[in-house]
Amino acid sequence: MPGTERHGSIVGRGAADNPKNRFERISVEPDPPEEPGELPRPETLYLRDRSRSIIARNASPDIGFDASVNPYRGCSHGCVYCYARPTHEYLGLSAGLDFETMVLVKEEAPELLRKELSSPRWRPQVLSMSGVTDPYQPVEKRLRLTRRCLEVLAGFRNPVAVVTKNHLVTRDLDLLAELARHNAAAVAISLTTLDDDLRRVMEPRTSRPTRRLAAIGKLAEAGVPVGVMTAPVIPGINDHELPRLLSAAAEAGATFAACVPVRLPGAVAEVFEGWLSRHFPDRKEKVLNRIRSIRGGNLNDPRFGSRMRGEGLYATHIAQLFHISCRRAGIEPGRFPKLSAAAFRRDGGLQPSLLD
């Protein structure tokens, strides 16, 4: 069975294999390695995504946005706990290594975004970048799709909320600061640990903690509202770091914070269990049992209202620790600040405005 102790780890990858796709009858089972230890490193493939629309809708009552833009499907950051992994199964791929090594690229994302915002049917509202995978994963440095989408948003002055683990967001300070002048931009930096050794195995291709804190500082200096996402909180792995994470983020310039206990939907549970077996075998069962204690006896609870908070004594403990730590750090607990679409302009800045 994939994701068990018989497999080694792969440097730079969160998963070590491909769990079976729940929608497919046929799967590939690789031969076991001849020698125990690290497995060969698979290269990342970037595939063209021919999507004809770019704004995705969300009707979940416990998500803080209604619409999002995702220039990429899949993410080479390789975060082992990523809730987005099962989305690759809709493509006939696996939530394991496929999710990190076969990334679909929406090359026409900026043009599609301009078309949708130009439509008379578009109701100006906050767009999330991204609602699923990180808009600043490593290939963005070369492809610049997120930046080009931000250029479109800045032209229309359409508000945007960005969530990322990557220092690369600071490359786009000019656009984010311009939007922020109209109360139309905010950024949350995801910060899960200050321990770079843990970061290296849990989120292998993300920016180091010090770089994420530096990004918070640069965004704050540029006048962009910036906060921190301490998510996910994993019992027995990083939960003890909450006070230090929030204190460091506040010192760097973060003004708001959010916290979500780990959730392991679908095949993510198998990927995560395999990761624990490889890196934390001594505490694997303790970690899993703690997660079950906040997820109704399972590793995931998909119910609205519960999935983002968890239930039970330990979930209450995490929530209390988060709020106490926020208060001590002088940081506001909660979601993004309220952004405004009041400055939206239908021409996207392509035509001179009488008001300008």
Protein backbone atom coordinates (compact mmCIF):
# COMPACT_ATOMS: atom_id res chain seq x y z
CA MET A 1 0.00 0.00 0.00
CA PRO A 2 1.41 3.44 -0.92
CA GLY A 3 2.50 5.80 1.83
CA THR A 4 3.87 3.22 4.25
CA GLU A 5 7.23 2.60 5.87
CA ARG A 6 8.55 0.49 3.00
CA HIS A 7 9.17 3.62 0.93
CA GLY A 8 12.01 6.08 1.52
CA SER A 9 11.80 9.84 1.30
CA ILE A 10 12.50 12.08 -1.69
CA VAL A 11 14.54 15.22 -1.11
CA GLY A 12 12.49 18.29 -2.02
CA ARG A 13 9.16 16.43 -2.05
CA GLY A 14 6.44 16.15 0.55
CA ALA A 15 4.96 12.92 -0.81
CA ALA A 16 7.01 9.81 -1.56
CA ASP A 17 4.58 8.06 -3.92
CA ASN A 18 1.20 8.27 -5.62
CA PRO A 19 -1.87 7.06 -3.73
CA LYS A 20 -4.53 5.48 -5.95
CA ASN A 21 -6.90 7.92 -7.61
CA ARG A 22 -10.40 7.38 -6.17
CA PHE A 23 -11.97 7.94 -9.61
CA GLU A 24 -9.71 5.57 -11.57
CA ARG A 25 -9.87 1.76 -11.71
CA ILE A 26 -6.30 1.34 -12.95
CA SER A 27 -3.25 2.54 -11.04
CA VAL A 28 0.52 2.24 -11.39
CA GLU A 29 2.42 0.50 -8.59
CA PRO A 30 6.16 1.27 -8.89
CA ASP A 31 8.77 -1.34 -8.10
CA PRO A 32 10.23 -0.97 -4.60
CA PRO A 33 13.70 0.61 -4.50
CA GLU A 34 16.64 -1.76 -4.69
CA GLU A 35 18.30 0.01 -1.77
CA PRO A 36 16.51 1.50 1.27
CA GLY A 37 16.68 5.24 1.81
CA GLU A 38 16.06 8.14 -0.51
CA LEU A 39 14.22 7.59 -3.79
CA PRO A 40 15.16 9.20 -7.13
CA ARG A 41 13.95 12.78 -7.46
CA PRO A 42 11.22 13.15 -10.11
CA GLU A 43 11.41 16.27 -12.27
CA THR A 44 8.55 18.77 -12.24
CA LEU A 45 6.53 18.88 -15.46
CA TYR A 46 4.57 21.99 -16.44
CA LEU A 47 1.57 21.30 -18.64
CA ARG A 48 -0.68 23.72 -20.55
CA ASP A 49 -4.13 24.19 -19.05
CA ARG A 50 -6.70 25.14 -21.69
CA SER A 51 -9.31 26.52 -19.28
CA ARG A 52 -11.61 29.07 -20.92
CA SER A 53 -12.50 30.88 -17.70
CA ILE A 54 -10.34 31.99 -14.79
CA ILE A 55 -12.64 33.09 -11.95
CA ALA A 56 -13.79 30.19 -9.78
CA ARG A 57 -16.84 30.51 -7.55
CA ASN A 58 -17.11 29.34 -3.97
CA ALA A 59 -20.33 28.81 -2.05
CA SER A 60 -18.83 27.49 1.21
CA PRO A 61 -20.17 29.44 4.20
CA ASP A 62 -16.92 29.02 6.17
CA ILE A 63 -14.59 30.41 3.49
CA GLY A 64 -13.89 34.14 3.54
CA PHE A 65 -14.20 34.74 -0.21
CA ASP A 66 -16.75 34.08 -2.96
CA ALA A 67 -14.47 34.15 -6.00
CA SER A 68 -10.85 33.27 -6.70
CA VAL A 69 -8.19 33.23 -9.40
CA ASN A 70 -5.85 30.23 -9.65
CA PRO A 71 -3.17 30.56 -12.36
CA TYR A 72 -1.81 27.08 -11.47
CA ARG A 73 -3.31 23.67 -10.77
CA GLY A 74 -1.04 21.58 -8.58
CA CYS A 75 1.83 23.07 -6.59
CA SER A 76 5.54 22.24 -6.52
CA HIS A 77 5.85 23.60 -2.97
CA GLY A 78 5.02 20.03 -1.95
CA CYS A 79 3.37 20.79 1.42
CA VAL A 80 2.51 17.36 2.75
CA TYR A 81 -0.74 18.44 4.42
CA CYS A 82 -2.14 20.48 1.49
CA TYR A 83 -5.93 20.24 1.36
CA ALA A 84 -5.82 20.94 -2.39
CA ARG A 85 -4.09 17.67 -3.26
CA PRO A 86 -7.36 15.79 -4.05
CA THR A 87 -8.18 18.31 -6.80
CA HIS A 88 -5.59 16.56 -8.97
CA GLU A 89 -7.74 13.44 -8.92
CA TYR A 90 -10.31 15.26 -11.07
CA LEU A 91 -7.59 15.42 -13.74
CA GLY A 92 -6.97 11.67 -13.65
CA LEU A 93 -3.81 12.18 -11.61
CA SER A 94 -2.81 11.37 -8.03
CA ALA A 95 -2.94 13.53 -4.92
CA GLY A 96 0.60 12.40 -4.09
CA LEU A 97 3.70 13.06 -6.18
CA ASP A 98 1.60 13.94 -9.24
CA PHE A 99 0.23 16.98 -7.40
CA GLU A 100 3.75 18.33 -6.81
CA THR A 101 5.42 17.23 -10.05
CA MET A 102 2.71 17.70 -12.70
CA VAL A 103 1.61 21.33 -12.49
CA LEU A 104 -0.93 22.70 -14.95
CA VAL A 105 -0.30 26.25 -16.08
CA LYS A 106 -3.08 28.59 -17.24
CA GLU A 107 -1.03 30.56 -19.75
CA GLU A 108 -3.99 32.72 -20.78
CA ALA A 109 -4.99 33.59 -17.20
CA PRO A 110 -4.29 37.37 -17.50
CA GLU A 111 -6.21 37.67 -20.78
CA LEU A 112 -9.12 35.62 -19.43
CA LEU A 113 -9.18 37.75 -16.29
CA ARG A 114 -9.29 40.98 -18.31
CA LYS A 115 -12.16 39.60 -20.38
CA GLU A 116 -14.18 38.62 -17.32
CA LEU A 117 -13.63 41.91 -15.48
CA SER A 118 -14.54 43.87 -18.62
CA SER A 119 -17.90 42.13 -18.90
CA PRO A 120 -20.97 44.15 -17.86
CA ARG A 121 -22.00 41.05 -15.93
CA TRP A 122 -19.01 41.32 -13.58
CA ARG A 123 -19.98 42.57 -10.13
CA PRO A 124 -16.86 44.13 -8.57
CA GLN A 125 -15.85 42.07 -5.52
CA VAL A 126 -12.80 40.74 -3.71
CA LEU A 127 -10.89 38.06 -5.60
CA SER A 128 -8.70 35.61 -3.74
CA MET A 129 -5.31 34.65 -5.17
CA SER A 130 -5.29 31.79 -4.86
CA GLY A 131 -8.21 29.87 -3.47
CA VAL A 132 -6.48 26.54 -4.04
CA THR A 133 -2.74 26.47 -4.84
CA ASP A 134 -0.03 29.04 -4.12
CA PRO A 135 0.13 31.83 -6.74
CA TYR A 136 3.83 32.33 -5.97
CA GLN A 137 5.10 28.79 -6.29
CA PRO A 138 8.64 28.62 -7.77
CA VAL A 139 7.74 28.61 -11.48
CA GLU A 140 6.00 31.99 -11.05
CA LYS A 141 9.43 33.62 -10.96
CA ARG A 142 9.82 32.66 -14.61
CA LEU A 143 6.25 32.65 -15.95
CA ARG A 144 4.99 35.79 -14.14
CA LEU A 145 1.34 34.78 -14.52
CA THR A 146 0.40 36.00 -11.06
CA ARG A 147 2.11 39.33 -11.67
CA ARG A 148 0.30 39.77 -14.99
CA CYS A 149 -3.00 38.98 -13.28
CA LEU A 150 -2.20 41.59 -10.63
CA GLU A 151 -1.49 44.09 -13.42
CA VAL A 152 -5.01 43.47 -14.71
CA LEU A 153 -6.49 43.82 -11.22
CA ALA A 154 -4.56 47.04 -10.63
CA GLY A 155 -5.86 48.43 -13.92
CA PHE A 156 -9.45 47.71 -12.92
CA ARG A 157 -8.76 48.54 -9.26
CA ASN A 158 -10.53 45.32 -8.36
CA PRO A 159 -9.77 44.26 -4.78
CA VAL A 160 -7.59 41.19 -4.20
CA ALA A 161 -6.60 39.11 -1.18
CA VAL A 162 -3.36 37.13 -1.58
CA VAL A 163 -2.24 34.13 0.48
CA THR A 164 1.26 32.72 -0.06
CA LYS A 165 4.24 30.99 1.55
CA ASN A 166 6.73 32.55 -0.83
CA HIS A 167 8.93 35.63 -0.44
CA LEU A 168 8.45 36.16 -4.19
CA VAL A 169 5.30 38.15 -3.38
CA THR A 170 7.59 41.09 -2.59
CA ARG A 171 8.50 41.29 -6.29
CA ASP A 172 5.00 42.70 -6.86
CA LEU A 173 5.06 45.35 -4.15
CA ASP A 174 4.46 48.08 -6.73
CA LEU A 175 1.13 46.61 -7.84
CA LEU A 176 -0.01 45.58 -4.38
CA ALA A 177 0.84 49.01 -2.95
CA GLU A 178 -1.06 50.72 -5.78
CA LEU A 179 -4.13 48.61 -5.05
CA ALA A 180 -3.71 49.20 -1.32
CA ARG A 181 -3.96 52.96 -1.92
CA HIS A 182 -7.59 52.25 -2.87
CA ASN A 183 -8.14 49.85 0.04
CA ALA A 184 -8.13 47.07 -2.55
CA ALA A 185 -5.31 44.72 -1.50
CA ALA A 186 -4.21 42.67 1.49
CA VAL A 187 -1.74 39.81 1.86
CA ALA A 188 -1.53 36.96 4.35
CA ILE A 189 1.77 35.13 4.68
CA SER A 190 1.38 31.49 5.67
CA LEU A 191 3.77 30.78 8.55
CA THR A 192 3.60 27.28 10.03
CA THR A 193 6.96 26.93 11.80
CA LEU A 194 10.12 28.83 12.73
CA ASP A 195 12.10 25.57 12.60
CA ASP A 196 13.73 25.39 9.17
CA ASP A 197 14.49 21.69 9.56
CA LEU A 198 10.78 21.00 10.00
CA ARG A 199 9.94 23.34 7.13
CA ARG A 200 12.35 21.46 4.87
CA VAL A 201 10.50 18.15 5.24
CA MET A 202 6.96 19.47 5.73
CA GLU A 203 6.93 22.23 3.08
CA PRO A 204 10.05 21.38 1.07
CA ARG A 205 10.02 24.01 -1.69
CA THR A 206 8.63 26.96 0.23
CA SER A 207 10.51 30.03 1.46
CA ARG A 208 12.39 29.70 4.73
CA PRO A 209 10.67 31.10 7.84
CA THR A 210 13.11 34.03 8.00
CA ARG A 211 12.26 34.92 4.39
CA ARG A 212 8.53 34.83 5.11
CA LEU A 213 8.99 37.16 8.06
CA ALA A 214 11.08 39.43 5.83
CA ALA A 215 8.21 39.46 3.31
CA ILE A 216 5.81 40.56 6.05
CA GLY A 217 8.17 43.41 6.88
CA LYS A 218 8.50 44.58 3.27
CA LEU A 219 4.74 44.48 2.66
CA ALA A 220 4.09 46.45 5.84
CA GLU A 221 6.71 49.05 4.89
CA ALA A 222 5.06 49.44 1.47
CA GLY A 223 1.69 50.18 3.07
CA VAL A 224 0.09 46.87 2.11
CA PRO A 225 -2.11 45.40 4.89
CA VAL A 226 -0.38 42.16 5.83
CA GLY A 227 -1.23 39.37 8.23
CA VAL A 228 -0.19 35.84 9.06
CA MET A 229 -1.90 32.49 8.50
CA THR A 230 -0.81 30.01 11.18
CA ALA A 231 -2.33 27.16 9.24
CA PRO A 232 -2.41 24.31 9.56
CA VAL A 233 -1.84 23.76 13.26
CA ILE A 234 -0.79 20.10 13.57
CA PRO A 235 -1.03 18.53 17.04
CA GLY A 236 2.31 17.15 18.16
CA ILE A 237 4.18 18.77 15.25
CA ASN A 238 3.87 22.55 15.32
CA ASP A 239 1.06 23.40 17.77
CA HIS A 240 3.54 24.37 20.48
CA GLU A 241 4.94 27.08 18.19
CA LEU A 242 1.76 29.19 18.02
CA PRO A 243 2.88 31.84 20.57
CA ARG A 244 6.29 32.27 18.93
CA LEU A 245 4.83 32.33 15.41
CA LEU A 246 2.38 35.09 16.24
CA SER A 247 4.94 37.09 18.21
CA ALA A 248 7.47 36.93 15.36
CA ALA A 249 4.83 37.86 12.77
CA ALA A 250 3.61 40.83 14.81
CA GLU A 251 7.18 42.04 15.33
CA ALA A 252 7.73 41.85 11.56
CA GLY A 253 4.65 43.99 10.87
CA ALA A 254 1.64 41.67 10.66
CA THR A 255 -1.60 43.27 11.87
CA PHE A 256 -4.05 40.37 11.62
CA ALA A 257 -3.89 36.60 11.99
CA ALA A 258 -5.89 33.45 11.30
CA CYS A 259 -5.57 29.89 12.57
CA VAL A 260 -6.91 26.58 11.18
CA PRO A 261 -6.32 23.10 12.66
CA VAL A 262 -5.01 20.56 10.16
CA ARG A 263 -7.62 18.82 8.01
CA LEU A 264 -6.84 15.82 5.85
CA PRO A 265 -9.51 15.35 3.15
CA GLY A 266 -9.50 12.29 0.91
CA ALA A 267 -6.09 11.03 -0.17
CA VAL A 268 -4.30 13.72 1.87
CA ALA A 269 -4.74 11.47 4.91
CA GLU A 270 -2.75 8.68 3.25
CA VAL A 271 -0.02 11.06 2.08
CA PHE A 272 0.22 12.56 5.57
CA GLU A 273 0.32 9.18 7.32
CA GLY A 274 3.16 8.08 5.06
CA TRP A 275 5.03 11.29 5.83
CA LEU A 276 4.67 10.71 9.56
CA SER A 277 5.99 7.16 9.12
CA ARG A 278 9.09 8.46 7.36
CA HIS A 279 9.90 11.48 9.50
CA PHE A 280 8.17 11.07 12.88
CA PRO A 281 7.54 7.34 13.41
CA ASP A 282 7.93 7.70 17.18
CA ARG A 283 4.96 10.07 17.47
CA LYS A 284 2.87 8.99 14.48
CA GLU A 285 -0.01 7.43 16.42
CA LYS A 286 -0.09 10.25 18.96
CA VAL A 287 -0.38 12.85 16.19
CA LEU A 288 -3.09 10.91 14.35
CA ASN A 289 -5.08 10.30 17.52
CA ARG A 290 -4.96 13.99 18.39
CA ILE A 291 -6.24 14.85 14.91
CA ARG A 292 -9.04 12.30 15.32
CA SER A 293 -9.95 13.89 18.63
CA ILE A 294 -10.74 17.21 16.91
CA ARG A 295 -12.32 15.62 13.82
CA GLY A 296 -15.06 13.47 15.36
CA GLY A 297 -12.96 10.30 15.46
CA ASN A 298 -11.80 10.63 11.83
CA LEU A 299 -8.85 12.30 10.14
CA ASN A 300 -11.18 14.74 8.41
CA ASP A 301 -14.55 16.28 9.14
CA PRO A 302 -15.95 17.99 6.01
CA ARG A 303 -18.96 19.58 7.72
CA PHE A 304 -19.35 23.32 7.27
CA GLY A 305 -18.75 25.16 10.52
CA SER A 306 -16.58 22.40 11.94
CA ARG A 307 -13.96 21.79 9.26
CA MET A 308 -12.14 25.10 9.81
CA ARG A 309 -12.23 24.95 13.61
CA GLY A 310 -12.47 21.36 14.74
CA GLU A 311 -14.40 20.21 17.80
CA GLY A 312 -13.64 18.87 21.26
CA LEU A 313 -11.29 19.77 24.07
CA TYR A 314 -8.11 19.91 22.03
CA ALA A 315 -9.69 22.10 19.34
CA THR A 316 -10.80 24.44 22.13
CA HIS A 317 -7.26 24.42 23.51
CA ILE A 318 -5.83 25.43 20.11
CA ALA A 319 -8.39 28.24 19.73
CA GLN A 320 -7.69 29.58 23.22
CA LEU A 321 -3.92 29.42 22.73
CA PHE A 322 -4.30 31.28 19.42
CA HIS A 323 -6.39 34.10 20.90
CA ILE A 324 -4.20 34.48 23.98
CA SER A 325 -1.08 34.55 21.78
CA CYS A 326 -2.65 37.16 19.51
CA ARG A 327 -3.52 39.35 22.47
CA ARG A 328 0.00 39.12 23.87
CA ALA A 329 1.52 39.88 20.47
CA GLY A 330 -0.80 42.83 19.92
CA ILE A 331 -2.25 41.36 16.74
CA GLU A 332 -5.86 41.19 15.60
CA PRO A 333 -7.31 37.64 15.46
CA GLY A 334 -9.56 37.10 12.46
CA ARG A 335 -9.63 37.06 8.70
CA PHE A 336 -8.53 39.61 6.10
CA PRO A 337 -9.39 43.26 6.67
CA LYS A 338 -12.47 44.43 4.78
CA LEU A 339 -11.48 45.53 1.29
CA SER A 340 -13.38 47.91 -0.98
CA ALA A 341 -14.45 47.80 -4.63
CA ALA A 342 -15.47 51.47 -4.59
CA ALA A 343 -12.56 52.49 -6.86
CA PHE A 344 -13.33 49.83 -9.52
CA ARG A 345 -13.24 51.15 -13.09
CA ARG A 346 -14.84 49.22 -15.91
CA ASP A 347 -12.28 50.25 -18.57
CA GLY A 348 -9.42 48.60 -16.70
CA GLY A 349 -7.35 51.76 -16.85
CA LEU A 350 -6.96 51.45 -20.63
CA GLN A 351 -8.89 54.67 -21.29
CA PRO A 352 -8.31 57.99 -19.50
CA SER A 353 -10.95 58.65 -16.86
CA LEU A 354 -12.62 62.03 -16.37
CA LEU A 355 -12.22 61.47 -12.64
CA ASP A 356 -8.43 61.13 -13.07
